[in-house]
Amino acid sequence: MIRLLRWLLKGALVFVAVTVLWVGLYRFVPPPFTATMLGDVIGGHGVAKSWMPLSRMDPAMARAAIAGEDGHFCMHHGFDFKAIEGAVYRNEKGGRIRGGSTISQQTAKNAFLFQGGGYPRKAVEAYFTVLIEALWGKRRIMEVYLNIAETGIGTYGANAASQRYFGHDASHLTPTEAGRIAAVLPLPKKRAAIDPHGFVRSHGNVLARYVGVVRRGGLDGCLR
């Protein structure tokens, strides 16, 4: 039993050391590939991605993401417990399942883990969320998120999405364009930002209006 405990302790220490180094590396180096991208390749899709630093990306994109995905991004430390409680309450009522994941949690999952996996994956996701909040800070979290989040089938990041849907890079996005990209984020396999009808158009237009609200309210203050 003592020998087993020693092996478990050594394994835990190795895991912590490797993951801290991994997260620390991505603080400075763009994640080259993700498990979700690998899934697209295995499924026969190509992968379109084009890294753009947050400093070059139009601020409307981050504001639209905050409006659509995580209104308290600059105020929490990785977890929005009120949003989680709200998601649990809504899901208990039935209907469409909704999550309470923050942008930090989504970034941890996208960069280091995989889709699915249930509660065990969520537990490891929480661990990586704590690490990126501690080692990266908010600007880097948003930068990585907006460059590796799935924005369409085989399309990753806001810059690749802007090039695919609007014919120009993400350095100059209108609020409407940013809102439509943000509207794709929850279901990227089923939505396209160039869709002139349906949910993406209506929800994207709502997010476009909230871009100004985020700016005026200072909800993106941690990114400035």
Protein backbone atom coordinates (compact mmCIF):
# COMPACT_ATOMS: atom_id res chain seq x y z
CA MET A 1 0.00 0.00 0.00
CA ILE A 2 2.83 2.42 0.86
CA ARG A 3 4.54 1.64 -2.44
CA LEU A 4 1.28 2.25 -4.31
CA LEU A 5 0.82 5.59 -2.56
CA ARG A 6 4.35 6.58 -3.50
CA TRP A 7 3.72 5.74 -7.15
CA LEU A 8 0.47 7.71 -7.08
CA LEU A 9 2.24 10.69 -5.54
CA LYS A 10 5.01 10.54 -8.13
CA GLY A 11 2.44 10.27 -10.90
CA ALA A 12 0.57 13.29 -9.57
CA LEU A 13 3.77 15.34 -9.34
CA VAL A 14 4.75 14.42 -12.90
CA PHE A 15 1.25 15.33 -14.13
CA VAL A 16 1.41 18.73 -12.41
CA ALA A 17 4.91 19.44 -13.70
CA VAL A 18 4.08 18.48 -17.30
CA THR A 19 0.80 20.41 -17.39
CA VAL A 20 2.31 23.54 -15.83
CA LEU A 21 5.11 23.49 -18.42
CA TRP A 22 2.57 22.87 -21.20
CA VAL A 23 0.38 25.77 -20.11
CA GLY A 24 3.43 27.97 -19.59
CA LEU A 25 4.63 27.24 -23.13
CA TYR A 26 1.27 28.27 -24.61
CA ARG A 27 1.56 31.55 -22.74
CA PHE A 28 4.07 32.54 -25.43
CA VAL A 29 3.58 30.06 -28.30
CA PRO A 30 0.31 29.67 -30.26
CA PRO A 31 -1.22 26.20 -29.79
CA PRO A 32 -0.23 24.45 -33.04
CA PHE A 33 -3.08 21.93 -33.12
CA THR A 34 -6.00 20.79 -30.96
CA ALA A 35 -7.94 17.58 -30.43
CA THR A 36 -10.97 19.14 -32.13
CA MET A 37 -8.88 19.95 -35.20
CA LEU A 38 -7.63 16.36 -35.22
CA GLY A 39 -11.24 15.19 -35.20
CA ASP A 40 -11.93 17.28 -38.31
CA VAL A 41 -8.91 15.81 -40.07
CA ILE A 42 -9.95 12.26 -39.19
CA GLY A 43 -13.47 13.07 -40.37
CA GLY A 44 -12.18 14.08 -43.78
CA HIS A 45 -12.38 17.86 -43.38
CA GLY A 46 -9.51 20.25 -43.88
CA VAL A 47 -8.46 22.68 -41.17
CA ALA A 48 -8.42 26.40 -41.90
CA LYS A 49 -6.77 28.57 -39.25
CA SER A 50 -4.84 31.83 -39.28
CA TRP A 51 -3.43 33.16 -36.03
CA MET A 52 -3.91 36.88 -35.37
CA PRO A 53 -2.67 38.60 -32.20
CA LEU A 54 -5.37 40.24 -30.12
CA SER A 55 -3.60 43.57 -30.58
CA ARG A 56 -4.30 43.39 -34.33
CA MET A 57 -7.79 41.97 -34.13
CA ASP A 58 -10.71 44.38 -34.26
CA PRO A 59 -11.90 44.98 -30.66
CA ALA A 60 -15.48 44.34 -31.81
CA MET A 61 -14.69 40.61 -32.00
CA ALA A 62 -13.71 40.24 -28.34
CA ARG A 63 -16.67 42.41 -27.32
CA ALA A 64 -19.07 40.26 -29.34
CA ALA A 65 -17.62 37.11 -27.74
CA ILE A 66 -18.07 38.59 -24.27
CA ALA A 67 -21.65 39.59 -25.12
CA GLY A 68 -22.52 36.16 -26.46
CA GLU A 69 -20.50 33.76 -24.35
CA ASP A 70 -19.39 35.28 -21.07
CA GLY A 71 -20.64 38.68 -19.95
CA HIS A 72 -18.64 38.48 -16.70
CA PHE A 73 -15.36 37.47 -18.37
CA CYS A 74 -13.38 40.37 -16.88
CA MET A 75 -14.90 39.93 -13.42
CA HIS A 76 -14.55 36.24 -12.61
CA HIS A 77 -11.47 34.10 -12.01
CA GLY A 78 -12.36 31.35 -14.47
CA PHE A 79 -15.77 30.26 -13.19
CA ASP A 80 -19.10 32.09 -13.23
CA PHE A 81 -21.00 30.26 -10.50
CA LYS A 82 -24.21 32.23 -11.04
CA ALA A 83 -24.21 31.24 -14.71
CA ILE A 84 -23.58 27.61 -13.74
CA GLU A 85 -26.49 27.68 -11.29
CA GLY A 86 -28.70 29.23 -13.95
CA ALA A 87 -27.73 26.56 -16.48
CA VAL A 88 -28.47 23.77 -14.00
CA TYR A 89 -31.87 25.30 -13.22
CA ARG A 90 -32.80 25.65 -16.90
CA ASN A 91 -31.64 22.15 -17.74
CA GLU A 92 -33.71 20.68 -14.91
CA LYS A 93 -36.76 22.34 -16.47
CA GLY A 94 -36.15 20.36 -19.64
CA GLY A 95 -35.75 21.47 -23.23
CA ARG A 96 -32.49 22.40 -24.91
CA ILE A 97 -29.45 21.73 -22.74
CA ARG A 98 -27.50 24.88 -21.99
CA GLY A 99 -24.09 25.15 -20.41
CA GLY A 100 -22.61 27.67 -18.01
CA SER A 101 -19.02 27.49 -19.21
CA THR A 102 -16.99 30.68 -19.24
CA ILE A 103 -14.63 31.70 -22.03
CA SER A 104 -11.79 30.60 -19.74
CA GLN A 105 -13.28 27.12 -19.40
CA GLN A 106 -13.92 26.86 -23.13
CA THR A 107 -10.34 27.92 -23.84
CA ALA A 108 -8.97 25.31 -21.44
CA LYS A 109 -11.06 22.62 -23.12
CA ASN A 110 -10.21 23.72 -26.66
CA ALA A 111 -6.48 24.09 -26.08
CA PHE A 112 -5.73 21.06 -23.90
CA LEU A 113 -8.61 18.59 -23.99
CA PHE A 114 -11.33 17.22 -26.25
CA GLN A 115 -15.08 17.43 -26.77
CA GLY A 116 -17.32 15.17 -24.70
CA GLY A 117 -16.02 13.05 -21.84
CA GLY A 118 -18.61 13.96 -19.21
CA TYR A 119 -17.72 14.85 -15.65
CA PRO A 120 -14.16 13.41 -15.65
CA ARG A 121 -13.22 15.71 -18.50
CA LYS A 122 -14.99 18.62 -16.81
CA ALA A 123 -12.86 18.02 -13.70
CA VAL A 124 -9.63 18.16 -15.70
CA GLU A 125 -11.00 21.19 -17.57
CA ALA A 126 -11.46 22.97 -14.25
CA TYR A 127 -7.84 22.21 -13.37
CA PHE A 128 -6.59 23.69 -16.66
CA THR A 129 -8.90 26.68 -16.20
CA VAL A 130 -7.22 27.49 -12.89
CA LEU A 131 -3.80 27.16 -14.55
CA ILE A 132 -4.51 29.47 -17.48
CA GLU A 133 -6.11 32.08 -15.25
CA ALA A 134 -2.99 32.03 -13.06
CA LEU A 135 -0.32 31.79 -15.78
CA TRP A 136 -1.85 33.58 -18.78
CA GLY A 137 -4.12 36.36 -17.65
CA LYS A 138 -7.26 37.58 -19.39
CA ARG A 139 -5.73 39.05 -22.55
CA ARG A 140 -3.91 35.83 -23.42
CA ILE A 141 -6.99 33.73 -22.63
CA MET A 142 -9.10 35.81 -25.00
CA GLU A 143 -6.35 35.80 -27.64
CA VAL A 144 -6.07 32.02 -27.60
CA TYR A 145 -9.85 31.59 -27.49
CA LEU A 146 -10.44 33.80 -30.52
CA ASN A 147 -7.76 31.93 -32.47
CA ILE A 148 -8.62 28.28 -31.76
CA ALA A 149 -12.39 28.28 -31.14
CA GLU A 150 -14.29 26.44 -33.85
CA THR A 151 -16.09 28.96 -36.08
CA GLY A 152 -17.48 26.60 -38.72
CA ILE A 153 -16.81 23.16 -40.15
CA GLY A 154 -13.03 22.92 -40.48
CA THR A 155 -12.67 26.61 -39.59
CA TYR A 156 -10.89 27.78 -36.44
CA GLY A 157 -10.52 31.24 -35.04
CA ALA A 158 -12.05 34.62 -35.80
CA ASN A 159 -9.48 35.50 -38.46
CA ALA A 160 -10.08 32.36 -40.52
CA ALA A 161 -13.83 32.86 -40.09
CA SER A 162 -13.65 36.45 -41.27
CA GLN A 163 -11.68 35.41 -44.34
CA ARG A 164 -14.12 32.57 -45.07
CA TYR A 165 -17.37 34.46 -44.54
CA PHE A 166 -16.56 38.07 -45.39
CA GLY A 167 -13.50 37.99 -47.63
CA HIS A 168 -11.18 40.01 -45.39
CA ASP A 169 -9.16 39.44 -42.22
CA ALA A 170 -10.29 40.16 -38.66
CA SER A 171 -8.32 43.36 -38.27
CA HIS A 172 -11.34 45.35 -39.41
CA LEU A 173 -14.69 43.83 -38.53
CA THR A 174 -18.00 45.61 -38.36
CA PRO A 175 -20.09 44.95 -35.24
CA THR A 176 -22.48 42.94 -37.43
CA GLU A 177 -19.68 40.73 -38.76
CA ALA A 178 -18.24 40.20 -35.28
CA GLY A 179 -21.72 39.44 -33.92
CA ARG A 180 -22.37 36.83 -36.58
CA ILE A 181 -19.05 35.08 -35.93
CA ALA A 182 -19.85 35.07 -32.21
CA ALA A 183 -23.31 33.65 -32.96
CA VAL A 184 -21.66 30.64 -34.62
CA LEU A 185 -19.53 29.74 -31.57
CA PRO A 186 -22.07 27.64 -29.61
CA LEU A 187 -22.85 25.32 -32.57
CA PRO A 188 -20.12 25.75 -35.19
CA LYS A 189 -20.90 22.48 -36.99
CA LYS A 190 -24.45 23.64 -37.74
CA ARG A 191 -24.10 27.39 -38.30
CA ALA A 192 -22.39 29.72 -40.75
CA ALA A 193 -21.84 33.43 -40.19
CA ILE A 194 -22.69 34.24 -43.79
CA ASP A 195 -26.16 32.67 -43.46
CA PRO A 196 -28.57 35.48 -44.41
CA HIS A 197 -31.50 33.95 -42.53
CA GLY A 198 -32.31 32.19 -39.29
CA PHE A 199 -30.73 32.21 -35.86
CA VAL A 200 -27.25 33.34 -36.88
CA ARG A 201 -28.65 36.48 -38.49
CA SER A 202 -31.06 37.36 -35.69
CA HIS A 203 -28.79 36.48 -32.78
CA GLY A 204 -25.78 37.97 -34.54
CA ASN A 205 -27.64 41.25 -34.94
CA VAL A 206 -28.46 41.23 -31.23
CA LEU A 207 -24.80 40.64 -30.36
CA ALA A 208 -23.80 43.42 -32.77
CA ARG A 209 -25.91 45.85 -30.75
CA TYR A 210 -24.35 44.61 -27.51
CA VAL A 211 -20.81 45.28 -28.81
CA GLY A 212 -21.35 48.94 -27.93
CA VAL A 213 -22.86 48.02 -24.56
CA VAL A 214 -19.76 45.98 -23.68
CA ARG A 215 -17.49 48.86 -24.68
CA ARG A 216 -19.43 51.59 -22.89
CA GLY A 217 -19.92 49.46 -19.79
CA GLY A 218 -16.23 48.61 -19.55
CA LEU A 219 -17.01 44.88 -19.63
CA ASP A 220 -13.88 44.41 -21.75
CA GLY A 221 -11.70 46.50 -19.43
CA CYS A 222 -9.31 43.62 -18.73
CA LEU A 223 -8.44 43.51 -22.44
CA ARG A 224 -7.54 47.18 -22.88
